[in-house]
Amino acid sequence: MIRTMSTAILIEVQYLGTVQYYSKFLNHDPVYLEQHENYRKGSFRNRCYIATANGIIPLSIPLLKGKHQQANIRSIKIDNSKNWQTLHWRSLKTAYGSSPFFEYYQDDFEALYNKPYELLFDFCLDLQELVLSCLQMAPSIQFTQMFSKETTDDLLDFRNRILPKNYSKPEDPAFEPVPYPQVFEDRLGFVSNLSILDLLFCAGPEAVYYLQTSVQL
């Protein structure tokens, strides 16, 4: 049985968020997704980390130049002059093509990487819905109606808590990474808290079990 907490949580939409990020969909109800914030650089909003034969690498979605810091996250446009979707999918296929469950999920993800997107939020949200479906999770999700810098006591504000600068050593008492078999574990050792795709492609239907056991209540 999936464990949940009654406490609601507020979190941003990420590009193929980390294992820690998706653990929040398990132990909070409902999950509020922030849609009225301004874009923030140096975050996972347009970036994720995957494990490859050459080490951990970032996949970054290029954005059209402009003052993203002052722009609403829903309006951030992708720079499609770069062949980023093909490059990202090729990187994922190279990294996880030999993983136990890549072939099982690849058609669904490849379809999104072949679909044209103008807005960053739309692409990341579609990926998130697909990931949750693959994990067989159906959390209660709501979208913010306005931006609020402060939140009430009954809402855990987890915005900007999972960042590229601290993801590998998260300061989060509610999350403890649980090792699972990885493709390049013989070269890299176990690398925790990568993109959720690392867990999904390596563990398949058991991915949700690893999420459950990572949750500290």
N, C-alpha and C. Protein backbone atom coordinates (compact mmCIF):
# COMPACT_ATOMS: atom_id res chain seq x y z
N MET A 1 0.85 -1.19 0.00
CA MET A 1 0.00 0.00 0.00
C MET A 1 0.88 1.24 0.00
N ILE A 2 0.52 2.25 -0.83
CA ILE A 2 1.28 3.49 -0.90
C ILE A 2 0.98 4.34 0.33
N ARG A 3 2.03 4.76 1.00
CA ARG A 3 1.86 5.57 2.19
C ARG A 3 1.68 7.03 1.80
N THR A 4 0.80 7.72 2.46
CA THR A 4 0.58 9.14 2.21
C THR A 4 0.47 9.89 3.52
N MET A 5 0.78 11.16 3.47
CA MET A 5 0.61 12.05 4.61
C MET A 5 -0.51 13.02 4.26
N SER A 6 -1.19 13.51 5.26
CA SER A 6 -2.28 14.44 4.99
C SER A 6 -1.77 15.83 4.66
N THR A 7 -0.50 16.10 4.99
CA THR A 7 0.07 17.41 4.73
C THR A 7 0.17 17.67 3.24
N ALA A 8 -0.32 18.82 2.82
CA ALA A 8 -0.17 19.21 1.42
C ALA A 8 1.24 19.76 1.19
N ILE A 9 1.69 19.71 -0.05
CA ILE A 9 3.02 20.20 -0.39
C ILE A 9 2.93 21.07 -1.63
N LEU A 10 3.77 22.09 -1.68
CA LEU A 10 3.87 22.98 -2.83
C LEU A 10 5.25 22.82 -3.44
N ILE A 11 5.28 22.53 -4.75
CA ILE A 11 6.56 22.26 -5.40
C ILE A 11 6.50 22.73 -6.85
N GLU A 12 7.65 23.02 -7.42
CA GLU A 12 7.70 23.47 -8.81
C GLU A 12 7.66 22.29 -9.78
N VAL A 13 7.37 22.56 -11.02
CA VAL A 13 7.43 21.53 -12.07
C VAL A 13 8.87 21.43 -12.56
N GLN A 14 9.40 20.20 -12.59
CA GLN A 14 10.78 19.97 -12.99
C GLN A 14 10.84 19.15 -14.27
N TYR A 15 11.99 19.24 -14.94
CA TYR A 15 12.24 18.43 -16.13
C TYR A 15 12.76 17.07 -15.69
N LEU A 16 11.92 16.05 -15.78
CA LEU A 16 12.30 14.69 -15.37
C LEU A 16 12.96 14.73 -14.00
N GLY A 17 12.20 15.22 -13.03
CA GLY A 17 12.71 15.46 -11.68
C GLY A 17 13.41 14.29 -11.04
N THR A 18 14.08 14.56 -9.95
CA THR A 18 14.87 13.56 -9.25
C THR A 18 13.99 12.52 -8.55
N VAL A 19 14.62 11.48 -8.06
CA VAL A 19 13.91 10.47 -7.27
C VAL A 19 13.29 11.13 -6.03
N GLN A 20 14.05 12.00 -5.39
CA GLN A 20 13.53 12.73 -4.23
C GLN A 20 12.28 13.52 -4.60
N TYR A 21 12.30 14.19 -5.73
CA TYR A 21 11.15 14.97 -6.19
C TYR A 21 9.90 14.10 -6.29
N TYR A 22 10.03 12.93 -6.91
CA TYR A 22 8.86 12.07 -7.08
C TYR A 22 8.43 11.39 -5.80
N SER A 23 9.32 11.30 -4.82
CA SER A 23 8.91 10.75 -3.53
C SER A 23 7.87 11.65 -2.87
N LYS A 24 7.88 12.93 -3.22
CA LYS A 24 6.93 13.87 -2.62
C LYS A 24 5.50 13.60 -3.10
N PHE A 25 5.37 12.99 -4.25
CA PHE A 25 4.03 12.65 -4.76
C PHE A 25 3.45 11.45 -4.01
N LEU A 26 4.30 10.74 -3.29
CA LEU A 26 3.84 9.59 -2.53
C LEU A 26 3.37 9.97 -1.13
N ASN A 27 4.09 10.86 -0.47
CA ASN A 27 3.82 11.07 0.94
C ASN A 27 3.19 12.42 1.27
N HIS A 28 2.57 13.05 0.26
CA HIS A 28 1.83 14.29 0.53
C HIS A 28 0.54 14.30 -0.29
N ASP A 29 -0.48 14.88 0.29
CA ASP A 29 -1.78 14.91 -0.36
C ASP A 29 -2.54 16.15 0.11
N PRO A 30 -2.88 17.06 -0.84
CA PRO A 30 -2.55 16.99 -2.27
C PRO A 30 -1.16 17.57 -2.55
N VAL A 31 -0.75 17.47 -3.82
CA VAL A 31 0.48 18.11 -4.29
C VAL A 31 0.07 19.32 -5.13
N TYR A 32 0.53 20.49 -4.68
CA TYR A 32 0.27 21.72 -5.44
C TYR A 32 1.47 22.02 -6.33
N LEU A 33 1.21 22.19 -7.61
CA LEU A 33 2.26 22.55 -8.56
C LEU A 33 2.23 24.05 -8.79
N GLU A 34 3.38 24.68 -8.64
CA GLU A 34 3.48 26.13 -8.80
C GLU A 34 3.46 26.51 -10.27
N GLN A 35 2.46 27.31 -10.65
CA GLN A 35 2.37 27.75 -12.04
C GLN A 35 2.36 29.28 -12.18
N HIS A 36 2.58 29.96 -11.07
CA HIS A 36 2.59 31.42 -11.12
C HIS A 36 3.91 32.03 -10.68
N GLU A 37 4.93 31.21 -10.53
CA GLU A 37 6.25 31.72 -10.18
C GLU A 37 6.94 32.30 -11.41
N ASN A 38 8.03 33.03 -11.16
CA ASN A 38 8.92 33.44 -12.24
C ASN A 38 9.99 32.38 -12.41
N TYR A 39 10.46 32.24 -13.65
CA TYR A 39 11.49 31.25 -13.94
C TYR A 39 12.73 31.52 -13.10
N ARG A 40 13.36 30.46 -12.65
CA ARG A 40 14.57 30.57 -11.83
C ARG A 40 15.70 29.78 -12.47
N LYS A 41 16.82 30.46 -12.69
CA LYS A 41 18.00 29.79 -13.24
C LYS A 41 18.63 28.89 -12.19
N GLY A 42 19.50 27.99 -12.67
CA GLY A 42 20.21 27.11 -11.75
C GLY A 42 19.32 26.14 -11.03
N SER A 43 18.26 25.69 -11.70
CA SER A 43 17.32 24.77 -11.08
C SER A 43 17.08 23.57 -11.99
N PHE A 44 16.18 22.70 -11.56
CA PHE A 44 15.82 21.53 -12.37
C PHE A 44 14.61 21.81 -13.26
N ARG A 45 14.24 23.06 -13.41
CA ARG A 45 13.09 23.37 -14.25
C ARG A 45 13.35 23.03 -15.71
N ASN A 46 14.58 23.15 -16.14
CA ASN A 46 14.91 22.81 -17.53
C ASN A 46 16.14 21.90 -17.60
N ARG A 47 16.43 21.18 -16.52
CA ARG A 47 17.64 20.37 -16.48
C ARG A 47 17.40 19.11 -15.66
N CYS A 48 18.06 18.02 -16.06
CA CYS A 48 18.06 16.81 -15.25
C CYS A 48 19.43 16.16 -15.36
N TYR A 49 19.71 15.19 -14.48
CA TYR A 49 20.98 14.48 -14.50
C TYR A 49 20.74 12.99 -14.74
N ILE A 50 21.56 12.41 -15.63
CA ILE A 50 21.48 10.98 -15.90
C ILE A 50 22.86 10.36 -15.77
N ALA A 51 22.91 9.04 -15.60
CA ALA A 51 24.17 8.32 -15.49
C ALA A 51 24.53 7.72 -16.85
N THR A 52 25.78 7.92 -17.27
CA THR A 52 26.27 7.37 -18.53
C THR A 52 27.57 6.62 -18.28
N ALA A 53 28.08 5.98 -19.32
CA ALA A 53 29.35 5.26 -19.20
C ALA A 53 30.49 6.20 -18.86
N ASN A 54 30.32 7.49 -19.19
CA ASN A 54 31.37 8.48 -18.93
C ASN A 54 31.11 9.30 -17.68
N GLY A 55 30.12 8.89 -16.89
CA GLY A 55 29.83 9.62 -15.67
C GLY A 55 28.46 10.28 -15.70
N ILE A 56 28.22 11.15 -14.74
CA ILE A 56 26.94 11.84 -14.63
C ILE A 56 26.96 13.07 -15.55
N ILE A 57 25.92 13.20 -16.38
CA ILE A 57 25.86 14.34 -17.29
C ILE A 57 24.50 15.04 -17.16
N PRO A 58 24.48 16.35 -17.43
CA PRO A 58 23.20 17.07 -17.42
C PRO A 58 22.57 17.07 -18.80
N LEU A 59 21.26 17.04 -18.84
CA LEU A 59 20.50 17.30 -20.05
C LEU A 59 19.77 18.61 -19.82
N SER A 60 20.06 19.62 -20.62
CA SER A 60 19.48 20.94 -20.42
C SER A 60 18.65 21.34 -21.63
N ILE A 61 17.43 21.76 -21.39
CA ILE A 61 16.56 22.25 -22.46
C ILE A 61 16.93 23.69 -22.76
N PRO A 62 17.33 24.00 -23.98
CA PRO A 62 17.71 25.39 -24.31
C PRO A 62 16.48 26.29 -24.35
N LEU A 63 16.64 27.50 -23.85
CA LEU A 63 15.54 28.45 -23.80
C LEU A 63 15.84 29.65 -24.67
N LEU A 64 14.80 30.24 -25.22
CA LEU A 64 14.99 31.45 -26.00
C LEU A 64 15.57 32.54 -25.10
N LYS A 65 16.49 33.29 -25.62
CA LYS A 65 17.14 34.32 -24.82
C LYS A 65 16.15 35.40 -24.41
N GLY A 66 16.34 35.89 -23.21
CA GLY A 66 15.45 36.92 -22.69
C GLY A 66 15.57 36.99 -21.18
N LYS A 67 14.78 37.81 -20.55
CA LYS A 67 14.82 37.98 -19.11
C LYS A 67 13.94 36.93 -18.43
N HIS A 68 14.45 35.70 -18.42
CA HIS A 68 13.67 34.60 -17.86
C HIS A 68 13.38 34.80 -16.38
N GLN A 69 14.31 35.44 -15.67
CA GLN A 69 14.15 35.60 -14.23
C GLN A 69 12.87 36.38 -13.90
N GLN A 70 12.44 37.25 -14.79
CA GLN A 70 11.25 38.06 -14.54
C GLN A 70 10.03 37.56 -15.30
N ALA A 71 10.14 36.39 -15.92
CA ALA A 71 9.04 35.87 -16.74
C ALA A 71 8.32 34.74 -16.02
N ASN A 72 7.00 34.71 -16.18
CA ASN A 72 6.20 33.66 -15.59
C ASN A 72 6.59 32.30 -16.18
N ILE A 73 6.64 31.30 -15.33
CA ILE A 73 7.10 29.98 -15.76
C ILE A 73 6.27 29.42 -16.91
N ARG A 74 5.00 29.77 -16.95
CA ARG A 74 4.12 29.28 -18.01
C ARG A 74 4.44 29.90 -19.37
N SER A 75 5.19 31.00 -19.38
CA SER A 75 5.47 31.70 -20.65
C SER A 75 6.87 31.44 -21.19
N ILE A 76 7.68 30.65 -20.47
CA ILE A 76 9.06 30.41 -20.90
C ILE A 76 9.07 29.55 -22.17
N LYS A 77 9.73 30.08 -23.21
CA LYS A 77 9.73 29.40 -24.50
C LYS A 77 11.04 28.63 -24.72
N ILE A 78 10.90 27.50 -25.35
CA ILE A 78 12.04 26.65 -25.69
C ILE A 78 12.70 27.16 -26.97
N ASP A 79 14.02 27.07 -27.03
CA ASP A 79 14.75 27.43 -28.24
C ASP A 79 14.82 26.19 -29.14
N ASN A 80 13.88 26.11 -30.05
CA ASN A 80 13.81 24.94 -30.92
C ASN A 80 14.68 25.06 -32.16
N SER A 81 15.51 26.11 -32.23
CA SER A 81 16.48 26.19 -33.31
C SER A 81 17.60 25.18 -33.09
N LYS A 82 17.71 24.70 -31.86
CA LYS A 82 18.70 23.67 -31.52
C LYS A 82 18.01 22.31 -31.56
N ASN A 83 18.73 21.30 -31.97
CA ASN A 83 18.17 19.97 -32.14
C ASN A 83 18.17 19.22 -30.81
N TRP A 84 17.66 19.88 -29.77
CA TRP A 84 17.81 19.38 -28.41
C TRP A 84 17.00 18.12 -28.15
N GLN A 85 15.80 18.01 -28.72
CA GLN A 85 14.98 16.81 -28.45
C GLN A 85 15.66 15.54 -28.97
N THR A 86 16.19 15.63 -30.18
CA THR A 86 16.91 14.48 -30.74
C THR A 86 18.13 14.15 -29.90
N LEU A 87 18.87 15.18 -29.48
CA LEU A 87 20.08 14.97 -28.70
C LEU A 87 19.75 14.38 -27.32
N HIS A 88 18.70 14.88 -26.69
CA HIS A 88 18.33 14.36 -25.37
C HIS A 88 17.87 12.90 -25.47
N TRP A 89 17.06 12.61 -26.48
CA TRP A 89 16.58 11.24 -26.61
C TRP A 89 17.73 10.29 -26.96
N ARG A 90 18.64 10.75 -27.78
CA ARG A 90 19.81 9.93 -28.12
C ARG A 90 20.64 9.67 -26.88
N SER A 91 20.80 10.67 -26.02
CA SER A 91 21.56 10.50 -24.79
C SER A 91 20.88 9.51 -23.86
N LEU A 92 19.56 9.61 -23.74
CA LEU A 92 18.81 8.68 -22.90
C LEU A 92 18.90 7.25 -23.43
N LYS A 93 18.82 7.12 -24.74
CA LYS A 93 18.89 5.79 -25.35
C LYS A 93 20.27 5.18 -25.18
N THR A 94 21.31 6.01 -25.32
CA THR A 94 22.69 5.52 -25.14
C THR A 94 22.93 5.12 -23.69
N ALA A 95 22.42 5.93 -22.76
CA ALA A 95 22.66 5.67 -21.34
C ALA A 95 21.87 4.47 -20.84
N TYR A 96 20.63 4.32 -21.30
CA TYR A 96 19.73 3.33 -20.70
C TYR A 96 19.23 2.26 -21.66
N GLY A 97 19.76 2.25 -22.88
CA GLY A 97 19.33 1.26 -23.84
C GLY A 97 19.53 -0.17 -23.39
N SER A 98 20.52 -0.39 -22.54
CA SER A 98 20.80 -1.75 -22.05
C SER A 98 20.17 -2.00 -20.68
N SER A 99 19.44 -1.04 -20.15
CA SER A 99 18.79 -1.23 -18.84
C SER A 99 17.63 -2.21 -18.99
N PRO A 100 17.24 -2.86 -17.91
CA PRO A 100 16.23 -3.93 -18.01
C PRO A 100 14.88 -3.50 -18.57
N PHE A 101 14.47 -2.24 -18.34
CA PHE A 101 13.11 -1.86 -18.68
C PHE A 101 13.01 -0.72 -19.70
N PHE A 102 14.14 -0.36 -20.31
CA PHE A 102 14.08 0.74 -21.28
C PHE A 102 13.14 0.43 -22.43
N GLU A 103 13.24 -0.75 -22.99
CA GLU A 103 12.40 -1.10 -24.14
C GLU A 103 10.92 -1.09 -23.78
N TYR A 104 10.61 -1.39 -22.54
CA TYR A 104 9.22 -1.44 -22.10
C TYR A 104 8.57 -0.06 -22.13
N TYR A 105 9.37 0.97 -21.80
CA TYR A 105 8.82 2.33 -21.71
C TYR A 105 9.19 3.23 -22.88
N GLN A 106 10.14 2.82 -23.71
CA GLN A 106 10.74 3.75 -24.65
C GLN A 106 9.75 4.37 -25.64
N ASP A 107 8.78 3.62 -26.12
CA ASP A 107 7.86 4.16 -27.13
C ASP A 107 7.09 5.38 -26.61
N ASP A 108 6.64 5.29 -25.37
CA ASP A 108 5.86 6.39 -24.80
C ASP A 108 6.72 7.65 -24.63
N PHE A 109 7.94 7.48 -24.17
CA PHE A 109 8.80 8.65 -23.99
C PHE A 109 9.30 9.19 -25.32
N GLU A 110 9.62 8.29 -26.24
CA GLU A 110 10.09 8.74 -27.55
C GLU A 110 9.01 9.57 -28.25
N ALA A 111 7.75 9.22 -28.05
CA ALA A 111 6.66 9.97 -28.67
C ALA A 111 6.66 11.42 -28.21
N LEU A 112 6.94 11.66 -26.93
CA LEU A 112 6.98 13.04 -26.44
C LEU A 112 8.20 13.78 -26.96
N TYR A 113 9.30 13.07 -27.13
CA TYR A 113 10.51 13.72 -27.67
C TYR A 113 10.40 13.97 -29.17
N ASN A 114 9.44 13.35 -29.81
CA ASN A 114 9.19 13.61 -31.23
C ASN A 114 8.07 14.62 -31.45
N LYS A 115 7.44 15.04 -30.37
CA LYS A 115 6.33 15.99 -30.45
C LYS A 115 6.85 17.41 -30.29
N PRO A 116 6.46 18.34 -31.16
CA PRO A 116 6.95 19.72 -31.03
C PRO A 116 6.34 20.43 -29.83
N TYR A 117 7.16 21.14 -29.10
CA TYR A 117 6.71 21.93 -27.97
C TYR A 117 7.28 23.34 -28.08
N GLU A 118 6.46 24.31 -27.74
CA GLU A 118 6.91 25.71 -27.71
C GLU A 118 7.25 26.16 -26.30
N LEU A 119 6.49 25.65 -25.32
CA LEU A 119 6.64 26.11 -23.95
C LEU A 119 7.26 25.04 -23.05
N LEU A 120 8.21 25.46 -22.22
CA LEU A 120 8.91 24.57 -21.31
C LEU A 120 7.95 23.88 -20.35
N PHE A 121 7.03 24.63 -19.77
CA PHE A 121 6.11 24.10 -18.77
C PHE A 121 5.27 22.96 -19.35
N ASP A 122 4.81 23.14 -20.57
CA ASP A 122 3.95 22.13 -21.20
C ASP A 122 4.70 20.81 -21.39
N PHE A 123 5.93 20.90 -21.87
CA PHE A 123 6.72 19.69 -22.11
C PHE A 123 7.01 18.97 -20.80
N CYS A 124 7.45 19.73 -19.79
CA CYS A 124 7.78 19.11 -18.50
C CYS A 124 6.55 18.51 -17.84
N LEU A 125 5.41 19.17 -17.99
CA LEU A 125 4.19 18.66 -17.38
C LEU A 125 3.74 17.37 -18.06
N ASP A 126 3.84 17.30 -19.39
CA ASP A 126 3.48 16.07 -20.10
C ASP A 126 4.39 14.91 -19.69
N LEU A 127 5.68 15.20 -19.54
CA LEU A 127 6.61 14.17 -19.09
C LEU A 127 6.26 13.71 -17.67
N GLN A 128 5.91 14.67 -16.82
CA GLN A 128 5.56 14.32 -15.45
C GLN A 128 4.34 13.41 -15.41
N GLU A 129 3.34 13.71 -16.19
CA GLU A 129 2.14 12.87 -16.24
C GLU A 129 2.47 11.46 -16.73
N LEU A 130 3.37 11.37 -17.71
CA LEU A 130 3.77 10.06 -18.21
C LEU A 130 4.55 9.28 -17.15
N VAL A 131 5.46 9.95 -16.48
CA VAL A 131 6.24 9.29 -15.42
C VAL A 131 5.32 8.75 -14.34
N LEU A 132 4.39 9.56 -13.87
CA LEU A 132 3.47 9.12 -12.83
C LEU A 132 2.64 7.93 -13.29
N SER A 133 2.25 7.93 -14.56
CA SER A 133 1.50 6.81 -15.11
C SER A 133 2.36 5.54 -15.13
N CYS A 134 3.61 5.67 -15.54
CA CYS A 134 4.52 4.52 -15.58
C CYS A 134 4.77 3.98 -14.17
N LEU A 135 4.78 4.87 -13.20
CA LEU A 135 4.97 4.45 -11.81
C LEU A 135 3.68 3.92 -11.19
N GLN A 136 2.59 4.00 -11.97
CA GLN A 136 1.27 3.59 -11.49
C GLN A 136 0.88 4.36 -10.23
N MET A 137 1.17 5.66 -10.26
CA MET A 137 0.82 6.56 -9.18
C MET A 137 -0.25 7.52 -9.67
N ALA A 138 -1.21 7.79 -8.83
CA ALA A 138 -2.29 8.71 -9.18
C ALA A 138 -2.48 9.72 -8.05
N PRO A 139 -1.49 10.57 -7.82
CA PRO A 139 -1.59 11.53 -6.71
C PRO A 139 -2.64 12.59 -6.99
N SER A 140 -3.09 13.20 -5.93
CA SER A 140 -4.02 14.33 -6.06
C SER A 140 -3.19 15.58 -6.36
N ILE A 141 -3.33 16.10 -7.57
CA ILE A 141 -2.53 17.25 -8.01
C ILE A 141 -3.43 18.45 -8.26
N GLN A 142 -3.00 19.59 -7.76
CA GLN A 142 -3.70 20.83 -8.00
C GLN A 142 -2.67 21.89 -8.42
N PHE A 143 -3.12 22.91 -9.12
CA PHE A 143 -2.25 23.99 -9.55
C PHE A 143 -2.53 25.24 -8.74
N THR A 144 -1.49 25.98 -8.45
CA THR A 144 -1.68 27.22 -7.70
C THR A 144 -2.52 28.20 -8.50
N GLN A 145 -3.29 29.02 -7.80
CA GLN A 145 -4.15 30.00 -8.43
C GLN A 145 -3.50 31.39 -8.46
N MET A 146 -2.48 31.57 -7.65
CA MET A 146 -1.72 32.83 -7.63
C MET A 146 -0.38 32.55 -6.98
N PHE A 147 0.54 33.49 -7.11
CA PHE A 147 1.85 33.30 -6.46
C PHE A 147 1.82 33.88 -5.06
N SER A 148 2.29 33.08 -4.11
CA SER A 148 2.41 33.53 -2.73
C SER A 148 3.81 33.22 -2.24
N LYS A 149 4.50 34.23 -1.77
CA LYS A 149 5.86 34.02 -1.26
C LYS A 149 5.85 33.20 0.02
N GLU A 150 4.85 33.44 0.86
CA GLU A 150 4.71 32.71 2.12
C GLU A 150 3.52 31.76 2.02
N THR A 151 3.58 30.67 2.77
CA THR A 151 2.49 29.70 2.77
C THR A 151 1.96 29.51 4.18
N THR A 152 0.83 28.86 4.27
CA THR A 152 0.23 28.60 5.57
C THR A 152 0.88 27.38 6.23
N ASP A 153 0.60 27.20 7.52
CA ASP A 153 1.23 26.10 8.27
C ASP A 153 0.83 24.73 7.77
N ASP A 154 -0.34 24.63 7.13
CA ASP A 154 -0.80 23.32 6.67
C ASP A 154 -0.34 23.00 5.25
N LEU A 155 0.59 23.81 4.73
CA LEU A 155 1.14 23.58 3.39
C LEU A 155 2.66 23.64 3.44
N LEU A 156 3.30 22.53 3.14
CA LEU A 156 4.77 22.48 3.14
C LEU A 156 5.30 23.11 1.86
N ASP A 157 6.06 24.16 1.99
CA ASP A 157 6.63 24.85 0.83
C ASP A 157 7.96 24.20 0.47
N PHE A 158 7.96 23.40 -0.59
CA PHE A 158 9.18 22.70 -1.00
C PHE A 158 9.73 23.27 -2.31
N ARG A 159 9.28 24.46 -2.68
CA ARG A 159 9.80 25.11 -3.88
C ARG A 159 11.28 25.43 -3.68
N ASN A 160 12.06 25.15 -4.71
CA ASN A 160 13.49 25.48 -4.73
C ASN A 160 14.29 24.79 -3.61
N ARG A 161 13.80 23.64 -3.19
CA ARG A 161 14.52 22.86 -2.18
C ARG A 161 15.37 21.76 -2.80
N ILE A 162 15.00 21.33 -4.00
CA ILE A 162 15.76 20.29 -4.71
C ILE A 162 16.45 20.98 -5.89
N LEU A 163 17.75 21.19 -5.76
CA LEU A 163 18.50 21.99 -6.73
C LEU A 163 19.73 21.23 -7.23
N PRO A 164 20.23 21.57 -8.41
CA PRO A 164 21.44 20.91 -8.91
C PRO A 164 22.63 21.00 -7.95
N LYS A 165 22.69 22.05 -7.15
CA LYS A 165 23.83 22.22 -6.26
C LYS A 165 23.77 21.32 -5.02
N ASN A 166 22.59 20.75 -4.72
CA ASN A 166 22.51 19.95 -3.50
C ASN A 166 21.77 18.62 -3.68
N TYR A 167 21.43 18.26 -4.91
CA TYR A 167 20.59 17.07 -5.11
C TYR A 167 21.26 15.79 -4.65
N SER A 168 22.60 15.71 -4.78
CA SER A 168 23.29 14.46 -4.44
C SER A 168 23.38 14.24 -2.94
N LYS A 169 23.23 15.32 -2.16
CA LYS A 169 23.24 15.21 -0.70
C LYS A 169 22.08 16.03 -0.15
N PRO A 170 20.87 15.56 -0.39
CA PRO A 170 19.70 16.34 0.01
C PRO A 170 19.56 16.47 1.52
N GLU A 171 19.28 17.67 1.96
CA GLU A 171 18.99 17.91 3.37
C GLU A 171 17.48 17.81 3.54
N ASP A 172 17.03 16.58 3.69
CA ASP A 172 15.59 16.32 3.70
C ASP A 172 15.33 15.14 4.62
N PRO A 173 14.87 15.39 5.84
CA PRO A 173 14.62 14.29 6.79
C PRO A 173 13.54 13.32 6.34
N ALA A 174 12.76 13.71 5.34
CA ALA A 174 11.69 12.83 4.87
C ALA A 174 12.13 11.95 3.70
N PHE A 175 13.40 12.05 3.31
CA PHE A 175 13.89 11.27 2.17
C PHE A 175 15.26 10.69 2.46
N GLU A 176 15.37 9.39 2.27
CA GLU A 176 16.64 8.68 2.42
C GLU A 176 16.83 7.79 1.19
N PRO A 177 17.80 8.11 0.31
CA PRO A 177 17.97 7.33 -0.92
C PRO A 177 18.18 5.85 -0.64
N VAL A 178 17.49 5.02 -1.39
CA VAL A 178 17.61 3.57 -1.26
C VAL A 178 18.29 3.03 -2.52
N PRO A 179 19.42 2.33 -2.38
CA PRO A 179 20.13 1.83 -3.56
C PRO A 179 19.30 0.84 -4.37
N TYR A 180 19.45 0.91 -5.68
CA TYR A 180 18.83 -0.03 -6.60
C TYR A 180 19.86 -0.34 -7.70
N PRO A 181 19.74 -1.43 -8.42
CA PRO A 181 20.72 -1.77 -9.45
C PRO A 181 20.74 -0.71 -10.56
N GLN A 182 21.94 -0.23 -10.92
CA GLN A 182 22.09 0.77 -11.97
C GLN A 182 22.97 0.23 -13.10
N VAL A 183 22.80 0.78 -14.27
CA VAL A 183 23.49 0.28 -15.47
C VAL A 183 25.01 0.33 -15.31
N PHE A 184 25.52 1.45 -14.80
CA PHE A 184 26.97 1.65 -14.73
C PHE A 184 27.48 1.62 -13.29
N GLU A 185 26.80 0.85 -12.46
CA GLU A 185 27.18 0.78 -11.06
C GLU A 185 28.57 0.19 -10.88
N ASP A 186 28.99 -0.70 -11.80
CA ASP A 186 30.33 -1.29 -11.69
C ASP A 186 31.41 -0.26 -11.93
N ARG A 187 31.11 0.81 -12.66
CA ARG A 187 32.10 1.87 -12.94
C ARG A 187 31.96 3.06 -11.98
N LEU A 188 30.71 3.42 -11.69
CA LEU A 188 30.46 4.66 -10.95
C LEU A 188 30.11 4.43 -9.49
N GLY A 189 29.82 3.17 -9.11
CA GLY A 189 29.22 2.94 -7.82
C GLY A 189 27.77 3.40 -7.87
N PHE A 190 27.04 3.23 -6.79
CA PHE A 190 25.65 3.68 -6.81
C PHE A 190 25.61 5.19 -6.72
N VAL A 191 24.87 5.80 -7.65
CA VAL A 191 24.69 7.26 -7.67
C VAL A 191 23.24 7.56 -7.31
N SER A 192 23.03 8.24 -6.23
CA SER A 192 21.66 8.47 -5.74
C SER A 192 21.04 9.74 -6.31
N ASN A 193 19.73 9.73 -6.33
CA ASN A 193 18.91 10.91 -6.61
C ASN A 193 19.13 11.50 -8.00
N LEU A 194 19.29 10.63 -8.98
CA LEU A 194 19.34 11.09 -10.37
C LEU A 194 17.92 11.34 -10.87
N SER A 195 17.79 11.63 -12.15
CA SER A 195 16.46 11.76 -12.74
C SER A 195 15.65 10.49 -12.47
N ILE A 196 14.37 10.67 -12.32
CA ILE A 196 13.47 9.53 -12.08
C ILE A 196 13.58 8.48 -13.17
N LEU A 197 14.00 8.87 -14.38
CA LEU A 197 14.13 7.89 -15.46
C LEU A 197 15.20 6.85 -15.15
N ASP A 198 16.22 7.24 -14.39
CA ASP A 198 17.25 6.26 -14.01
C ASP A 198 16.61 5.14 -13.20
N LEU A 199 15.79 5.50 -12.23
CA LEU A 199 15.10 4.50 -11.41
C LEU A 199 14.08 3.73 -12.24
N LEU A 200 13.31 4.41 -13.05
CA LEU A 200 12.25 3.76 -13.82
C LEU A 200 12.83 2.75 -14.81
N PHE A 201 13.84 3.15 -15.57
CA PHE A 201 14.41 2.25 -16.57
C PHE A 201 15.18 1.09 -15.94
N CYS A 202 15.73 1.31 -14.75
CA CYS A 202 16.50 0.25 -14.10
C CYS A 202 15.64 -0.70 -13.26
N ALA A 203 14.56 -0.19 -12.68
CA ALA A 203 13.76 -1.01 -11.76
C ALA A 203 12.38 -1.34 -12.28
N GLY A 204 11.89 -0.63 -13.29
CA GLY A 204 10.59 -0.95 -13.87
C GLY A 204 9.45 -0.88 -12.86
N PRO A 205 8.60 -1.90 -12.81
CA PRO A 205 7.46 -1.90 -11.89
C PRO A 205 7.86 -1.81 -10.42
N GLU A 206 9.10 -2.16 -10.09
CA GLU A 206 9.54 -2.08 -8.71
C GLU A 206 10.01 -0.68 -8.33
N ALA A 207 10.01 0.25 -9.29
CA ALA A 207 10.48 1.61 -9.02
C ALA A 207 9.69 2.25 -7.89
N VAL A 208 8.38 2.03 -7.89
CA VAL A 208 7.56 2.64 -6.85
C VAL A 208 7.89 2.07 -5.48
N TYR A 209 8.32 0.81 -5.44
CA TYR A 209 8.74 0.22 -4.16
C TYR A 209 9.95 0.95 -3.61
N TYR A 210 10.92 1.25 -4.48
CA TYR A 210 12.10 1.99 -4.03
C TYR A 210 11.73 3.41 -3.59
N LEU A 211 10.76 4.00 -4.26
CA LEU A 211 10.26 5.31 -3.81
C LEU A 211 9.65 5.21 -2.42
N GLN A 212 8.82 4.19 -2.24
CA GLN A 212 8.15 4.00 -0.96
C GLN A 212 9.16 3.83 0.18
N THR A 213 10.17 3.01 -0.07
CA THR A 213 11.15 2.74 0.98
C THR A 213 12.10 3.91 1.24
N SER A 214 12.13 4.86 0.31
CA SER A 214 12.96 6.05 0.51
C SER A 214 12.28 7.09 1.37
N VAL A 215 10.96 6.95 1.54
CA VAL A 215 10.18 7.92 2.30
C VAL A 215 10.36 7.66 3.80
N GLN A 216 10.74 8.69 4.52
CA GLN A 216 10.91 8.58 5.96
C GLN A 216 9.78 9.34 6.65
N LEU A 217 8.92 8.62 7.32
CA LEU A 217 7.77 9.24 7.99
C LEU A 217 8.03 9.44 9.47
